[in-house]
């Protein structure tokens, strides 16, 4: 029986938490509100964390997905049931939630055409994740895969410039996708080195820990400043790998002796283990509150809304929401 690598769950949970906080801040426009003394204690830590680490959230998600990418016999069944199916379901739900008049044929095509190319709010991540999985399935040679990814990165600005306006979106571009592919491949190739890192001696692990901490601080400093996308992508990968090493060598061992570290580790593991539901449902809750105008009510202010998110999603996980996230293929085992 394989041991679950919960340090990857912690990283994934941290990335999802960043996404939730960023969407929550943007929906309620918390960057623009006047922070009073009462709000300062509550809001400032969230604003600081998101402003520093938000650029890393997709690097984390794609890197971890790449790390766990494996070509198996039931490859297509798993990817269709766990990625394509929720993409289709939630694209439809968000379309009817956001389109001003979903039954108007002009608006219908305006909103639905981009969905076929992955340009769907929020769930675009699932579309391109599936595309990256297909690349690793059909291009099995890792050298060719790396060459293809660099050609794609170099050609992405030109491809972006020739895309018709009706297929463009404000939340993702082909250039973004090309760098997400680099994150995915970094994780895909990093698994070769991970076993060597785990088996290092104590002295080498100590040196690696010092180097990782230095890289992490350097990466956060550079990524929090306005830089080019190439530099941001490079430092994002450094932050991901450094964080993974630090979690494995420090946090995972220290959590048993500290209640706060233990609870925070367990919380991020839980979010990471249920990442798909947290990723999609928090946006659905926020979107519904604002479309229905409930945000004007006191019981749906920013603080209560954040509480509702972390109450409703665990309840939906516990009492069943599988039909919206996973399609199970029926296998005929009648023949023996």
Protein backbone atom coordinates (compact mmCIF):
# COMPACT_ATOMS: atom_id res chain seq x y z
CA UNK A 1 0.00 0.00 0.00
CA UNK A 2 1.40 3.38 -1.05
CA UNK A 3 1.97 6.08 1.55
CA UNK A 4 0.24 9.34 0.70
CA UNK A 5 2.68 12.24 0.27
CA UNK A 6 0.82 14.68 2.48
CA UNK A 7 3.43 17.42 2.00
CA UNK A 8 2.05 17.78 -1.53
CA UNK A 9 -1.45 18.05 -0.06
CA UNK A 10 -0.19 20.88 2.15
CA UNK A 11 1.23 22.73 -0.87
CA UNK A 12 -1.96 22.17 -2.89
CA UNK A 13 -4.08 23.26 0.09
CA UNK A 14 -1.99 26.42 0.43
CA UNK A 15 -2.49 27.22 -3.27
CA UNK A 16 -6.27 26.68 -3.03
CA UNK A 17 -6.38 28.86 0.10
CA UNK A 18 -4.61 31.63 -1.83
CA UNK A 19 -7.17 31.34 -4.64
CA UNK A 20 -10.08 31.50 -2.16
CA UNK A 21 -8.67 34.54 -0.33
CA UNK A 22 -7.87 36.37 -3.58
CA UNK A 23 -11.38 35.83 -4.99
CA UNK A 24 -12.94 36.82 -1.67
CA UNK A 25 -10.85 40.03 -1.55
CA UNK A 26 -11.70 40.89 -5.19
CA UNK A 27 -15.42 40.21 -4.86
CA UNK A 28 -15.73 42.40 -1.78
CA UNK A 29 -13.12 44.90 -3.09
CA UNK A 30 -11.30 44.80 0.22
CA UNK A 31 -8.24 46.49 -1.27
CA UNK A 32 -10.36 49.61 -1.79
CA UNK A 33 -12.23 49.82 1.50
CA UNK A 34 -11.13 52.08 4.32
CA UNK A 35 -9.48 49.84 6.91
CA UNK A 36 -10.56 50.90 10.37
CA UNK A 37 -8.85 49.88 13.59
CA UNK A 38 -11.45 47.13 14.03
CA UNK A 39 -10.78 45.72 10.55
CA UNK A 40 -7.01 46.11 10.54
CA UNK A 41 -6.27 43.14 12.80
CA UNK A 42 -8.49 40.85 10.70
CA UNK A 43 -7.77 42.03 7.15
CA UNK A 44 -4.13 43.07 7.01
CA UNK A 45 -2.66 39.54 7.33
CA UNK A 46 -4.90 38.30 4.48
CA UNK A 47 -4.03 41.25 2.23
CA UNK A 48 -0.31 40.83 2.92
CA UNK A 49 -0.29 37.06 2.27
CA UNK A 50 -2.26 37.36 -0.96
CA UNK A 51 -0.18 40.28 -2.28
CA UNK A 52 3.07 38.38 -1.65
CA UNK A 53 2.15 34.84 -2.69
CA UNK A 54 -0.80 35.09 -5.10
CA UNK A 55 1.43 34.89 -8.24
CA UNK A 56 2.59 31.44 -7.08
CA UNK A 57 -0.82 29.79 -6.72
CA UNK A 58 -1.11 28.39 -10.28
CA UNK A 59 2.55 27.34 -10.29
CA UNK A 60 1.80 25.25 -7.20
CA UNK A 61 -1.32 23.64 -8.69
CA UNK A 62 0.21 22.77 -12.06
CA UNK A 63 3.54 21.66 -10.54
CA UNK A 64 1.81 19.21 -8.18
CA UNK A 65 -0.46 17.91 -10.96
CA UNK A 66 2.62 17.33 -13.12
CA UNK A 67 4.38 15.49 -10.31
CA UNK A 68 1.52 13.00 -9.94
CA UNK A 69 1.02 12.54 -13.69
CA UNK A 70 1.25 8.80 -14.47
CA UNK A 71 0.38 6.97 -17.66
CA UNK A 72 -1.80 3.98 -16.73
CA UNK A 73 -4.16 1.62 -18.52
CA UNK A 74 -7.23 3.52 -17.32
CA UNK A 75 -5.62 6.92 -18.09
CA UNK A 76 -8.46 8.29 -20.22
CA UNK A 77 -11.24 7.00 -17.96
CA UNK A 78 -9.72 8.73 -14.92
CA UNK A 79 -8.99 12.02 -16.67
CA UNK A 80 -12.41 12.23 -18.31
CA UNK A 81 -14.24 11.41 -15.07
CA UNK A 82 -12.15 13.66 -12.81
CA UNK A 83 -11.23 16.57 -15.10
CA UNK A 84 -13.34 16.75 -18.28
CA UNK A 85 -16.63 15.89 -16.55
CA UNK A 86 -16.43 18.62 -13.84
CA UNK A 87 -15.22 21.08 -16.49
CA UNK A 88 -18.35 20.49 -18.58
CA UNK A 89 -20.73 20.45 -15.58
CA UNK A 90 -19.39 23.62 -13.98
CA UNK A 91 -18.96 25.47 -17.28
CA UNK A 92 -22.70 24.98 -17.82
CA UNK A 93 -23.59 25.98 -14.24
CA UNK A 94 -21.42 29.12 -14.33
CA UNK A 95 -22.73 29.98 -17.81
CA UNK A 96 -26.35 30.04 -16.61
CA UNK A 97 -25.27 31.86 -13.46
CA UNK A 98 -23.36 34.65 -15.23
CA UNK A 99 -24.94 35.10 -18.66
CA UNK A 100 -27.41 38.05 -18.63
CA UNK A 101 -29.85 36.15 -20.84
CA UNK A 102 -28.61 32.60 -21.50
CA UNK A 103 -31.46 31.83 -23.93
CA UNK A 104 -30.65 34.74 -26.25
CA UNK A 105 -28.88 33.10 -29.22
CA UNK A 106 -26.38 35.98 -29.66
CA UNK A 107 -25.39 35.96 -26.01
CA UNK A 108 -25.46 32.16 -26.03
CA UNK A 109 -22.73 31.92 -28.67
CA UNK A 110 -20.78 34.82 -27.17
CA UNK A 111 -20.54 32.97 -23.86
CA UNK A 112 -20.34 29.35 -25.06
CA UNK A 113 -17.87 29.46 -27.97
CA UNK A 114 -14.86 30.21 -25.72
CA UNK A 115 -15.78 27.20 -23.54
CA UNK A 116 -14.75 24.80 -26.33
CA UNK A 117 -11.25 26.31 -26.24
CA UNK A 118 -10.89 26.31 -22.47
CA UNK A 119 -11.67 29.98 -21.89
CA UNK A 120 -14.25 29.41 -19.18
CA UNK A 121 -14.18 31.40 -15.92
CA UNK A 122 -12.43 29.52 -13.10
CA UNK A 123 -12.64 26.02 -14.62
CA UNK A 124 -10.24 26.92 -17.47
CA UNK A 125 -7.65 25.32 -15.18
CA UNK A 126 -9.26 21.89 -15.67
CA UNK A 127 -9.37 22.25 -19.46
CA UNK A 128 -5.68 23.03 -19.84
CA UNK A 129 -4.72 20.50 -17.19
CA UNK A 130 -6.38 17.85 -19.35
CA UNK A 131 -4.49 19.16 -22.41
CA UNK A 132 -1.18 18.88 -20.53
CA UNK A 133 -2.03 15.32 -19.50
CA UNK A 134 -2.70 14.49 -23.15
CA UNK A 135 0.72 15.88 -24.11
CA UNK A 136 2.48 13.60 -21.63
CA UNK A 137 0.42 10.67 -22.92
CA UNK A 138 1.23 11.18 -26.62
CA UNK A 139 4.77 12.61 -26.26
CA UNK A 140 6.39 10.02 -24.02
CA UNK A 141 9.96 11.11 -24.71
CA UNK A 142 10.81 13.68 -22.02
CA UNK A 143 13.41 15.46 -24.19
CA UNK A 144 10.87 16.00 -26.98
CA UNK A 145 8.35 17.15 -24.38
CA UNK A 146 10.75 19.82 -23.05
CA UNK A 147 11.63 20.97 -26.59
CA UNK A 148 7.93 21.24 -27.46
CA UNK A 149 7.21 23.28 -24.32
CA UNK A 150 9.99 25.80 -25.05
CA UNK A 151 8.83 26.16 -28.67
CA UNK A 152 5.32 26.76 -27.36
CA UNK A 153 6.55 29.42 -24.89
CA UNK A 154 8.45 31.24 -27.67
CA UNK A 155 5.55 31.08 -30.15
CA UNK A 156 2.77 31.85 -27.63
CA UNK A 157 2.88 35.68 -28.05
CA UNK A 158 2.37 35.31 -31.82
CA UNK A 159 -0.47 32.78 -31.35
CA UNK A 160 -2.05 35.14 -28.82
CA UNK A 161 -1.95 38.02 -31.30
CA UNK A 162 -3.88 36.16 -34.01
CA UNK A 163 -6.69 34.86 -31.80
CA UNK A 164 -10.03 36.53 -32.74
CA UNK A 165 -11.33 39.03 -30.23
CA UNK A 166 -14.46 37.00 -29.47
CA UNK A 167 -12.28 34.19 -28.09
CA UNK A 168 -10.20 36.46 -25.86
CA UNK A 169 -10.76 36.69 -22.13
CA UNK A 170 -9.41 38.91 -19.38
CA UNK A 171 -8.53 36.03 -17.04
CA UNK A 172 -6.20 33.90 -19.24
CA UNK A 173 -4.18 34.11 -22.45
CA UNK A 174 -2.13 31.68 -24.55
CA UNK A 175 1.03 33.21 -23.07
CA UNK A 176 -0.27 32.32 -19.59
CA UNK A 177 -1.01 28.77 -20.76
CA UNK A 178 2.52 28.35 -22.10
CA UNK A 179 4.00 29.18 -18.69
CA UNK A 180 1.50 26.92 -16.94
CA UNK A 181 2.81 24.13 -19.18
CA UNK A 182 6.33 24.87 -17.89
CA UNK A 183 5.08 24.57 -14.30
CA UNK A 184 3.39 21.26 -15.13
CA UNK A 185 6.49 19.84 -16.81
CA UNK A 186 8.70 21.04 -13.94
CA UNK A 187 6.63 18.89 -11.57
CA UNK A 188 6.55 16.01 -14.07
CA UNK A 189 10.34 15.97 -14.31
CA UNK A 190 10.99 16.82 -10.64
CA UNK A 191 9.74 13.40 -9.47
CA UNK A 192 13.01 11.96 -10.84
CA UNK A 193 15.00 14.07 -8.35
CA UNK A 194 12.63 13.84 -5.38
CA UNK A 195 13.71 10.35 -4.25
CA UNK A 196 17.35 11.49 -4.27
CA UNK A 197 16.47 14.51 -2.10
CA UNK A 198 14.59 12.35 0.40
CA UNK A 199 17.57 9.97 0.75
CA UNK A 200 20.16 12.67 1.45
CA UNK A 201 22.32 12.41 4.58
CA UNK A 202 21.61 14.67 7.58
CA UNK A 203 24.53 17.00 6.74
CA UNK A 204 23.44 17.38 3.11
CA UNK A 205 19.82 17.87 4.19
CA UNK A 206 20.90 20.70 6.51
CA UNK A 207 22.75 22.42 3.67
CA UNK A 208 19.78 21.87 1.37
CA UNK A 209 17.49 23.36 4.02
CA UNK A 210 19.59 26.53 4.25
CA UNK A 211 19.74 26.88 0.46
CA UNK A 212 15.98 26.25 0.13
CA UNK A 213 15.13 28.88 2.75
CA UNK A 214 17.40 31.40 1.00
CA UNK A 215 15.80 30.63 -2.38
CA UNK A 216 12.29 30.88 -0.89
CA UNK A 217 12.90 34.36 0.57
CA UNK A 218 14.64 35.54 -2.63
CA UNK A 219 11.81 34.18 -4.78
CA UNK A 220 9.08 35.84 -2.69
CA UNK A 221 10.92 39.20 -2.77
CA UNK A 222 11.31 39.11 -6.55
CA UNK A 223 7.86 37.74 -7.36
CA UNK A 224 6.10 40.38 -5.23
CA UNK A 225 7.64 43.12 -7.39
CA UNK A 226 6.55 44.04 -10.94
CA UNK A 227 8.79 41.86 -13.13
CA UNK A 228 8.60 40.22 -16.54
CA UNK A 229 6.53 37.04 -16.90
CA UNK A 230 9.68 35.01 -17.61
CA UNK A 231 11.34 36.05 -14.34
CA UNK A 232 8.08 35.51 -12.46
CA UNK A 233 7.79 31.98 -13.86
CA UNK A 234 11.38 31.15 -12.94
CA UNK A 235 11.02 32.37 -9.35
CA UNK A 236 7.61 30.71 -9.01
CA UNK A 237 9.19 27.31 -9.73
CA UNK A 238 11.99 28.04 -7.24
CA UNK A 239 9.42 28.96 -4.55
CA UNK A 240 7.44 25.75 -5.18
CA UNK A 241 10.47 23.45 -4.91
CA UNK A 242 11.92 25.32 -1.90
CA UNK A 243 8.56 25.20 -0.11
CA UNK A 244 8.25 21.48 -0.74
CA UNK A 245 11.70 20.82 0.72
CA UNK A 246 11.05 23.02 3.77
CA UNK A 247 7.67 21.38 4.46
CA UNK A 248 9.22 17.92 4.20
CA UNK A 249 12.24 18.64 6.41
CA UNK A 250 10.81 21.09 8.96
CA UNK A 251 7.04 21.45 9.21
CA UNK A 252 6.22 17.77 8.85
CA UNK A 253 8.58 16.86 11.70
CA UNK A 254 7.81 19.85 13.97
CA UNK A 255 4.00 19.52 13.80
CA UNK A 256 3.96 16.62 16.28
CA UNK A 257 5.40 18.85 19.01
CA UNK A 258 3.30 21.95 18.37
CA UNK A 259 -0.51 22.05 18.41
CA UNK A 260 -0.79 25.10 16.13
CA UNK A 261 1.57 23.59 13.53
CA UNK A 262 -0.30 20.29 13.76
CA UNK A 263 -3.73 21.93 13.23
CA UNK A 264 -2.56 24.17 10.38
CA UNK A 265 -0.84 21.20 8.69
CA UNK A 266 -4.01 19.09 9.04
CA UNK A 267 -6.20 21.93 7.71
CA UNK A 268 -4.07 22.44 4.59
CA UNK A 269 -3.95 18.65 4.06
CA UNK A 270 -7.76 18.54 4.23
CA UNK A 271 -8.14 21.41 1.73
CA UNK A 272 -5.50 19.89 -0.54
CA UNK A 273 -7.11 16.46 -0.41
CA UNK A 274 -10.46 18.04 -1.42
CA UNK A 275 -8.94 20.68 -3.67
CA UNK A 276 -11.41 20.36 -6.55
CA UNK A 277 -14.43 21.06 -4.35
CA UNK A 278 -12.81 23.98 -2.55
CA UNK A 279 -11.52 25.40 -5.84
CA UNK A 280 -14.93 25.42 -7.55
CA UNK A 281 -17.49 25.73 -4.73
CA UNK A 282 -15.97 28.83 -3.09
CA UNK A 283 -16.32 30.68 -6.41
CA UNK A 284 -19.86 29.40 -6.87
CA UNK A 285 -20.80 30.66 -3.37
CA UNK A 286 -19.21 34.09 -3.91
CA UNK A 287 -20.71 34.44 -7.38
CA UNK A 288 -24.20 33.46 -6.18
CA UNK A 289 -24.09 35.90 -3.24
CA UNK A 290 -23.22 38.84 -5.52
CA UNK A 291 -25.57 37.93 -8.36
CA UNK A 292 -28.47 37.64 -5.90
CA UNK A 293 -27.42 40.89 -4.21
CA UNK A 294 -27.07 39.21 -0.83
CA UNK A 295 -23.74 40.95 -0.21
CA UNK A 296 -25.71 44.09 0.72
CA UNK A 297 -27.11 42.31 3.75
CA UNK A 298 -25.17 42.37 7.01
CA UNK A 299 -25.35 38.60 7.41
CA UNK A 300 -23.47 38.24 4.08
CA UNK A 301 -20.72 40.78 4.72
CA UNK A 302 -17.10 39.84 3.96
CA UNK A 303 -16.43 38.20 7.33
CA UNK A 304 -19.59 36.07 7.40
CA UNK A 305 -19.15 35.09 3.75
CA UNK A 306 -15.68 33.69 4.45
CA UNK A 307 -17.16 31.70 7.35
CA UNK A 308 -19.96 30.36 5.14
CA UNK A 309 -17.40 29.14 2.59
CA UNK A 310 -15.51 27.10 5.17
CA UNK A 311 -18.74 25.74 6.67
CA UNK A 312 -20.68 24.92 3.51
CA UNK A 313 -17.89 23.19 1.54
CA UNK A 314 -16.97 20.64 4.29
CA UNK A 315 -20.69 19.92 4.71
CA UNK A 316 -21.07 19.31 0.97
CA UNK A 317 -18.03 16.99 1.07
CA UNK A 318 -19.41 15.05 4.02
CA UNK A 319 -22.98 14.69 2.76
CA UNK A 320 -22.20 14.09 -0.87
CA UNK A 321 -21.54 16.25 -3.91
CA UNK A 322 -19.79 13.59 -6.02
CA UNK A 323 -22.25 13.85 -8.88
CA UNK A 324 -20.96 17.38 -9.63
CA UNK A 325 -17.27 16.45 -9.57
CA UNK A 326 -16.75 12.86 -10.56
CA UNK A 327 -18.33 10.54 -13.11
CA UNK A 328 -17.78 6.86 -12.35
CA UNK A 329 -17.53 4.53 -15.32
CA UNK A 330 -19.40 1.27 -14.94
CA UNK A 331 -17.06 -1.62 -15.68
CA UNK A 332 -18.56 -4.94 -16.72
CA UNK A 333 -16.94 -7.69 -14.68
CA UNK A 334 -19.38 -10.44 -15.57
CA UNK A 335 -16.85 -12.49 -17.48
CA UNK A 336 -14.39 -14.45 -15.40
